[in-house]
Protein backbone atom coordinates (compact mmCIF):
# COMPACT_ATOMS: atom_id res chain seq x y z
CA UNK A 1 0.00 0.00 0.00
CA UNK A 2 2.72 2.47 0.94
CA UNK A 3 4.76 1.65 -2.17
CA UNK A 4 1.70 2.19 -4.35
CA UNK A 5 1.04 5.55 -2.68
CA UNK A 6 4.71 6.55 -3.09
CA UNK A 7 4.50 5.84 -6.81
CA UNK A 8 1.16 7.64 -7.12
CA UNK A 9 2.57 10.79 -5.51
CA UNK A 10 4.73 11.35 -8.58
CA UNK A 11 1.56 12.39 -10.46
CA UNK A 12 -1.40 11.96 -8.12
CA UNK A 13 -4.93 11.80 -9.52
CA UNK A 14 -8.11 12.66 -7.55
CA UNK A 15 -9.27 9.03 -7.60
CA UNK A 16 -6.04 8.00 -5.83
CA UNK A 17 -6.78 10.07 -2.72
CA UNK A 18 -8.27 7.08 -0.80
CA UNK A 19 -5.02 5.18 -1.40
CA UNK A 20 -3.04 8.14 -0.02
CA UNK A 21 -5.25 8.33 3.08
CA UNK A 22 -4.84 4.60 3.69
CA UNK A 23 -1.06 4.85 3.38
CA UNK A 24 -0.88 7.82 5.76
CA UNK A 25 -2.99 5.95 8.29
CA UNK A 26 -0.83 2.84 7.90
CA UNK A 27 2.35 4.87 8.45
CA UNK A 28 1.28 7.19 11.29
CA UNK A 29 -1.33 5.44 13.43
CA UNK A 30 0.89 2.59 14.71
CA UNK A 31 3.54 5.16 15.69
CA UNK A 32 0.94 7.19 17.63
CA UNK A 33 -0.14 4.08 19.52
CA UNK A 34 3.46 3.15 20.29
CA UNK A 35 4.62 6.62 21.42
CA UNK A 36 1.49 7.58 23.36
CA UNK A 37 2.44 6.17 26.80
CA UNK A 38 5.90 7.77 26.51
CA UNK A 39 4.55 11.14 25.38
CA UNK A 40 1.75 11.38 27.94
CA UNK A 41 4.17 10.96 30.82
CA UNK A 42 6.01 14.19 29.88
CA UNK A 43 3.37 16.72 31.09
CA UNK A 44 2.74 14.53 34.13
CA UNK A 45 6.44 14.67 35.02
CA UNK A 46 6.20 18.47 34.85
CA UNK A 47 3.22 18.42 37.21
CA UNK A 48 4.97 15.97 39.52
CA UNK A 49 8.08 18.16 39.69
CA UNK A 50 5.95 21.16 40.62
CA UNK A 51 3.35 19.67 42.98
CA UNK A 52 4.33 16.01 43.55
CA UNK A 53 0.96 15.04 42.10
CA UNK A 54 1.00 11.58 40.52
CA UNK A 55 -0.98 11.46 37.29
CA UNK A 56 -2.60 8.34 35.78
CA UNK A 57 0.18 7.72 33.25
CA UNK A 58 2.90 7.89 35.92
CA UNK A 59 0.81 5.59 38.12
CA UNK A 60 0.56 3.09 35.26
CA UNK A 61 4.30 3.20 34.62
CA UNK A 62 5.00 2.86 38.36
CA UNK A 63 2.96 -0.32 38.49
CA UNK A 64 4.50 -1.58 35.23
CA UNK A 65 8.10 -1.14 36.43
CA UNK A 66 7.45 -1.68 40.13
CA UNK A 67 9.09 1.66 40.91
CA UNK A 68 7.98 4.82 42.72
CA UNK A 69 7.15 7.97 40.79
CA UNK A 70 10.27 9.60 42.22
CA UNK A 71 12.42 6.75 40.96
CA UNK A 72 10.89 6.98 37.49
CA UNK A 73 11.66 10.70 37.37
CA UNK A 74 15.21 10.45 38.69
CA UNK A 75 16.02 7.56 36.37
CA UNK A 76 13.93 8.66 33.38
CA UNK A 77 16.80 7.89 31.01
CA UNK A 78 16.72 4.27 32.15
CA UNK A 79 12.95 3.81 32.04
CA UNK A 80 11.92 6.16 29.22
CA UNK A 81 15.16 6.87 27.40
CA UNK A 82 14.70 10.59 28.06
CA UNK A 83 17.96 12.48 27.89
CA UNK A 84 20.29 14.46 25.61
CA UNK A 85 19.57 13.88 21.94
CA UNK A 86 22.19 12.00 20.00
CA UNK A 87 23.43 9.93 22.92
CA UNK A 88 24.73 6.42 22.37
CA UNK A 89 21.53 4.82 23.66
CA UNK A 90 19.30 6.82 21.31
CA UNK A 91 17.74 9.04 23.97
CA UNK A 92 15.44 11.95 23.17
CA UNK A 93 14.69 15.14 25.08
CA UNK A 94 11.30 15.08 26.82
CA UNK A 95 9.66 17.82 24.82
CA UNK A 96 11.03 16.52 21.54
CA UNK A 97 9.17 13.31 22.34
CA UNK A 98 5.98 15.28 23.05
CA UNK A 99 6.29 17.29 19.85
CA UNK A 100 7.12 14.25 17.74
CA UNK A 101 4.11 12.41 19.12
CA UNK A 102 1.91 15.44 18.40
CA UNK A 103 3.06 15.53 14.79
CA UNK A 104 2.30 11.86 14.18
CA UNK A 105 -1.03 12.28 15.96
CA UNK A 106 -1.96 15.07 13.53
CA UNK A 107 -1.03 12.92 10.53
CA UNK A 108 -3.10 10.03 11.83
CA UNK A 109 -6.12 12.11 12.86
CA UNK A 110 -6.19 13.96 9.52
CA UNK A 111 -7.29 10.72 7.83
CA UNK A 112 -9.82 9.61 10.45
CA UNK A 113 -12.96 11.15 8.91
CA UNK A 114 -11.90 10.45 5.31
CA UNK A 115 -12.19 13.98 3.93
CA UNK A 116 -9.92 14.49 0.91
CA UNK A 117 -9.41 17.53 -1.33
CA UNK A 118 -7.68 17.81 -4.69
CA UNK A 119 -6.80 21.24 -6.08
CA UNK A 120 -6.03 21.60 -9.77
CA UNK A 121 -2.79 23.28 -10.84
CA UNK A 122 -4.58 26.55 -11.60
CA UNK A 123 -6.39 26.39 -8.26
CA UNK A 124 -3.09 25.72 -6.48
CA UNK A 125 -1.51 28.74 -8.14
CA UNK A 126 -4.28 30.96 -6.77
CA UNK A 127 -3.97 29.42 -3.30
CA UNK A 128 -0.22 30.04 -3.19
CA UNK A 129 -0.67 33.57 -4.55
CA UNK A 130 -2.85 34.42 -1.53
CA UNK A 131 -0.23 33.34 1.03
CA UNK A 132 1.08 36.88 1.46
CA UNK A 133 -2.25 38.24 2.77
CA UNK A 134 -3.50 35.14 4.59
CA UNK A 135 -2.00 36.22 7.93
CA UNK A 136 -4.59 39.02 8.08
CA UNK A 137 -7.61 36.71 7.67
CA UNK A 138 -9.80 35.51 10.54
CA UNK A 139 -10.39 31.75 10.52
CA UNK A 140 -12.87 30.09 12.89
CA UNK A 141 -13.56 26.34 13.17
CA UNK A 142 -16.76 26.91 11.18
CA UNK A 143 -14.70 28.31 8.28
CA UNK A 144 -12.79 25.08 7.75
CA UNK A 145 -13.91 22.86 4.87
CA UNK A 146 -14.03 19.96 7.39
CA UNK A 147 -12.77 19.41 10.97
CA UNK A 148 -10.02 17.15 9.60
CA UNK A 149 -8.75 16.37 6.16
CA UNK A 150 -5.98 15.87 3.63
CA UNK A 151 -5.57 18.17 0.62
CA UNK A 152 -3.35 17.62 -2.41
CA UNK A 153 -2.32 20.83 -4.19
CA UNK A 154 -1.20 19.94 -7.71
CA UNK A 155 1.80 21.76 -9.21
CA UNK A 156 3.87 21.10 -12.37
CA UNK A 157 7.04 20.82 -10.27
CA UNK A 158 5.45 18.43 -7.76
CA UNK A 159 2.46 18.66 -5.46
CA UNK A 160 2.08 19.93 -1.92
CA UNK A 161 0.04 18.14 0.74
CA UNK A 162 -1.87 19.79 3.59
CA UNK A 163 -3.10 17.76 6.58
CA UNK A 164 -5.12 19.14 9.48
CA UNK A 165 -7.27 18.23 12.45
CA UNK A 166 -9.02 20.15 15.22
CA UNK A 167 -7.70 18.73 18.47
CA UNK A 168 -10.39 20.39 20.58
CA UNK A 169 -12.39 23.63 20.54
CA UNK A 170 -10.20 26.09 18.59
CA UNK A 171 -6.88 24.20 18.77
CA UNK A 172 -5.81 23.18 15.27
CA UNK A 173 -2.86 21.06 14.19
CA UNK A 174 -1.86 21.57 10.55
CA UNK A 175 0.93 20.11 8.42
CA UNK A 176 2.47 21.02 5.09
CA UNK A 177 4.83 18.80 3.11
CA UNK A 178 5.88 18.35 -0.50
CA UNK A 179 4.89 15.20 -2.37
CA UNK A 180 8.56 14.20 -2.51
CA UNK A 181 8.96 14.58 1.25
CA UNK A 182 5.69 12.75 1.86
CA UNK A 183 6.93 9.83 -0.24
CA UNK A 184 10.00 9.72 2.03
CA UNK A 185 7.70 9.70 5.07
CA UNK A 186 5.65 6.82 3.66
CA UNK A 187 8.81 4.86 2.87
CA UNK A 188 10.33 5.26 6.33
CA UNK A 189 10.93 1.81 7.78
CA UNK A 190 12.32 2.93 11.13
CA UNK A 191 15.92 2.01 10.38
CA UNK A 192 18.61 4.29 11.79
CA UNK A 193 20.55 6.13 9.08
CA UNK A 194 22.69 9.28 8.81
CA UNK A 195 20.80 12.54 8.55
CA UNK A 196 17.54 11.23 9.96
CA UNK A 197 15.38 13.79 11.73
CA UNK A 198 14.79 11.97 15.01
CA UNK A 199 16.10 8.75 16.49
CA UNK A 200 14.47 7.18 19.50
CA UNK A 201 16.16 4.00 20.68
CA UNK A 202 16.80 2.02 17.48
CA UNK A 203 14.12 3.63 15.33
CA UNK A 204 14.06 6.63 13.02
CA UNK A 205 11.07 9.00 13.02
CA UNK A 206 10.31 11.56 10.32
CA UNK A 207 7.43 13.66 11.69
CA UNK A 208 5.82 15.95 9.13
CA UNK A 209 6.30 19.72 9.56
CA UNK A 210 3.57 20.74 12.00
CA UNK A 211 2.10 23.96 13.35
CA UNK A 212 -0.28 24.25 16.29
CA UNK A 213 -2.70 27.13 16.00
CA UNK A 214 -5.44 28.71 18.06
CA UNK A 215 -8.15 29.53 15.55
CA UNK A 216 -10.07 32.79 15.72
CA UNK A 217 -12.96 33.09 18.13
CA UNK A 218 -16.32 33.59 16.38
CA UNK A 219 -16.94 37.27 15.78
CA UNK A 220 -13.49 38.38 16.93
CA UNK A 221 -12.11 39.23 13.48
CA UNK A 222 -8.59 38.43 14.68
CA UNK A 223 -6.28 36.06 12.77
CA UNK A 224 -5.24 32.70 14.27
CA UNK A 225 -2.33 32.65 16.74
CA UNK A 226 0.52 30.18 17.09
CA UNK A 227 1.20 27.72 19.86
CA UNK A 228 4.79 26.87 20.63
CA UNK A 229 5.85 23.34 19.65
CA UNK A 230 8.53 22.36 22.12
CA UNK A 231 11.69 20.54 21.21
CA UNK A 232 11.19 20.27 17.47
CA UNK A 233 13.74 22.06 15.33
CA UNK A 234 14.67 21.41 11.70
CA UNK A 235 18.06 19.81 11.15
CA UNK A 236 20.79 22.23 10.09
CA UNK A 237 18.92 25.38 11.13
CA UNK A 238 20.92 28.27 12.54
CA UNK A 239 20.70 28.45 16.32
CA UNK A 240 19.76 32.14 16.33
CA UNK A 241 16.33 31.45 14.80
CA UNK A 242 13.65 32.08 17.47
CA UNK A 243 12.52 28.75 18.86
CA UNK A 244 8.85 29.70 18.56
CA UNK A 245 9.25 30.01 14.78
CA UNK A 246 10.48 26.47 14.28
CA UNK A 247 8.63 23.29 13.56
CA UNK A 248 10.08 19.84 13.03
CA UNK A 249 11.99 18.39 10.09
CA UNK A 250 12.39 19.93 6.63
CA UNK A 251 12.67 23.44 8.05
CA UNK A 252 9.23 24.95 7.43
CA UNK A 253 8.11 27.48 9.99
CA UNK A 254 4.70 27.59 11.62
CA UNK A 255 3.98 30.84 9.78
CA UNK A 256 4.74 29.28 6.39
CA UNK A 257 2.53 26.28 7.12
CA UNK A 258 -0.38 28.38 8.37
CA UNK A 259 -0.15 30.82 5.44
CA UNK A 260 -0.78 28.06 2.90
CA UNK A 261 -3.55 26.48 4.98
CA UNK A 262 -5.40 29.76 5.53
CA UNK A 263 -5.14 30.59 1.82
CA UNK A 264 -6.52 27.13 0.99
CA UNK A 265 -9.38 27.57 3.47
CA UNK A 266 -10.15 31.02 2.12
CA UNK A 267 -10.22 29.84 -1.50
CA UNK A 268 -12.63 27.04 -0.58
CA UNK A 269 -15.24 29.73 0.13
CA UNK A 270 -14.74 31.87 -3.00
CA UNK A 271 -17.23 32.07 -5.86
CA UNK A 272 -14.34 31.56 -8.27
CA UNK A 273 -13.77 28.06 -6.82
CA UNK A 274 -15.69 25.30 -8.53
CA UNK A 275 -16.03 22.05 -6.57
CA UNK A 276 -17.18 18.56 -7.44
CA UNK A 277 -17.66 16.06 -4.62
CA UNK A 278 -17.23 12.31 -4.96
CA UNK A 279 -17.99 9.66 -2.35
CA UNK A 280 -15.83 6.56 -2.78
CA UNK A 281 -16.80 3.51 -0.77
CA UNK A 282 -14.08 1.30 0.65
CA UNK A 283 -13.10 -1.97 -0.94
CA UNK A 284 -14.05 -5.20 0.81
CA UNK A 285 -10.37 -5.69 1.67
CA UNK A 286 -10.30 -2.69 4.03
CA UNK A 287 -8.64 -3.81 7.26
CA UNK A 288 -9.62 -1.22 9.88
CA UNK A 289 -12.89 0.54 10.84
CA UNK A 290 -11.37 3.85 9.72
CA UNK A 291 -10.50 2.57 6.25
CA UNK A 292 -13.95 1.01 5.89
CA UNK A 293 -15.50 4.50 5.97
CA UNK A 294 -16.38 6.07 2.63
CA UNK A 295 -13.98 8.76 1.42
CA UNK A 296 -15.38 12.12 0.34
CA UNK A 297 -13.18 13.61 -2.38
CA UNK A 298 -13.66 17.27 -3.28
CA UNK A 299 -12.07 18.29 -6.57
CA UNK A 300 -11.34 22.04 -6.62
CA UNK A 301 -10.82 23.95 -9.84
CA UNK A 302 -10.73 27.64 -10.72
CA UNK A 303 -13.78 29.19 -12.36
CA UNK A 304 -12.60 31.99 -14.67
CA UNK A 305 -15.87 33.92 -14.37
CA UNK A 306 -17.76 33.79 -11.04
CA UNK A 307 -21.20 32.28 -11.37
CA UNK A 308 -24.01 34.85 -11.67
CA UNK A 309 -26.75 32.36 -10.83
CA UNK A 310 -28.58 32.45 -7.54
CA UNK A 311 -28.32 29.61 -5.10
CA UNK A 312 -31.70 28.30 -6.26
CA UNK A 313 -30.55 28.31 -9.89
CA UNK A 314 -27.14 26.75 -9.39
CA UNK A 315 -27.13 23.10 -10.42
CA UNK A 316 -25.57 20.57 -8.12
CA UNK A 317 -23.68 17.52 -9.27
CA UNK A 318 -23.06 14.65 -6.89
CA UNK A 319 -22.02 11.15 -7.56
CA UNK A 320 -21.35 8.00 -5.61
CA UNK A 321 -18.91 5.32 -6.67
CA UNK A 322 -18.52 1.74 -5.53
CA UNK A 323 -14.86 0.75 -5.40
CA UNK A 324 -11.87 2.65 -6.78
CA UNK A 325 -12.07 4.23 -10.20
CA UNK A 326 -9.68 6.42 -12.16
CA UNK A 327 -12.24 8.74 -13.70
CA UNK A 328 -15.89 8.77 -14.70
CA UNK A 329 -14.89 10.24 -18.04
CA UNK A 330 -18.15 12.20 -18.21
CA UNK A 331 -17.89 15.98 -18.66
CA UNK A 332 -19.77 18.19 -16.22
CA UNK A 333 -22.00 19.63 -18.95
CA UNK A 334 -22.80 16.33 -20.70
CA UNK A 335 -26.32 16.87 -22.02
CA UNK A 336 -26.92 13.15 -22.32
CA UNK A 337 -26.76 12.66 -18.53
CA UNK A 338 -30.29 13.13 -17.22
CA UNK A 339 -31.26 13.98 -13.66
CA UNK A 340 -31.60 10.86 -11.58
CA UNK A 341 -30.10 8.65 -14.30
CA UNK A 342 -27.91 5.72 -13.36
CA UNK A 343 -24.86 4.38 -15.13
CA UNK A 344 -23.11 1.07 -14.48
CA UNK A 345 -19.66 0.48 -15.93
CA UNK A 346 -17.02 -2.15 -15.09
CA UNK A 347 -18.90 -3.11 -11.95
CA UNK A 348 -19.05 0.50 -10.74
CA UNK A 349 -22.42 1.96 -9.84
CA UNK A 350 -22.66 5.72 -10.29
CA UNK A 351 -25.67 7.91 -9.43
CA UNK A 352 -26.09 11.46 -10.74
CA UNK A 353 -28.28 14.33 -9.55
CA UNK A 354 -28.23 17.50 -11.61
C-alpha cells in the first residue's frame, strides 16, 4: 500500500486520494499508539516536579516497572530513554518526544474522517498567490472545509500536501509537506541512518512539519495565533532562529505552514472556486474501521468567471462510486446525462443528480 502511494505521488490523480489516506494511516497510526504512553508521561512529570501530584500515566508506569514515581523521574533515562539527543543509547529530550508524538497524531487524525481535497494546478496557483495576505484573515472552526482532512495541491514541479485536524475547541494542528517529502515519510521503515530527523532508541522518526494554532474566536475578526511546539527544530537550522518560529523536520516554519492552509481555506469559500464532490466507498479488503469508511473527495478547480446564478438556480452535481475508479470520463455539462439517471460500468455503480 505504501509503495503504491509513493509511486502515485509522482503524479497523483483525484481518484487516488483514498489510497493516499490509507497509506498515511498505515504509516502514522501505529507510531501514535506506540509513542502515546511515553509522550503522555512528559506533562505529568512536569506536574509531579511542581506539585508532587501523581498522574494516571505515571501511576501506570510505576505499576508496570514496580518503581515509585520519584524513581521513574530520577532515572527517566533508564525507564523512558529521556535524555540528551544523540546519545549512544538513542535518547530523546522530553519535549522533543511530546512534539514528535503530536506531529504523528496530527497525521493520523487527519485521515480519520476520510475527507480528501484535490486542487487543480490553476487552483493551487491561486492558493499560493494568496499566502502573502493570509496572515490578516480571521479563521474560525466553522470556516474550515471539514474538521479534519488531507488536501493535495497539484503543481507542475510536484504537489504539496496539507493535513489538518481540530484537536479540541479552537486548537488546530496543521501540516504542510511536498509530495517528494511525503513519499519519504511513507517509505520510512524505522531504520537508523545518517541525517535522519529523530532517532528514539533504534528507530528513526520523520514527523511531518507541523504547526499548532489557536483559531479565531467567532466574531473576533482576529487572525489565528501560534502555539509553541517544544523541542522540534529542523536539522541544520541556525541556532539564532527564534525557537517559537520552528517546527520539526524539513525546516518549514509555523507561519509558512499556516499561510498556505489559511489561503486554501479562504479559496474554498470563494465564488471563483468550482467544486465537485465524490464519495468513494471502501473496498471489501479494508482492514480497519477507519479505512472502511467512505472517502469524500472534493475536486477544486478555478472558475474563470464567477457564477451569476442564484443559489436556487445553481445546479448541483453529486455522484457515488462503488470501489476505486480512475475517472468517470463524463464531462460536467454532458447533455446526455439526465437527472436521476444511473450508469453502471465495469462493476461500478454511479448515481447522478443535476
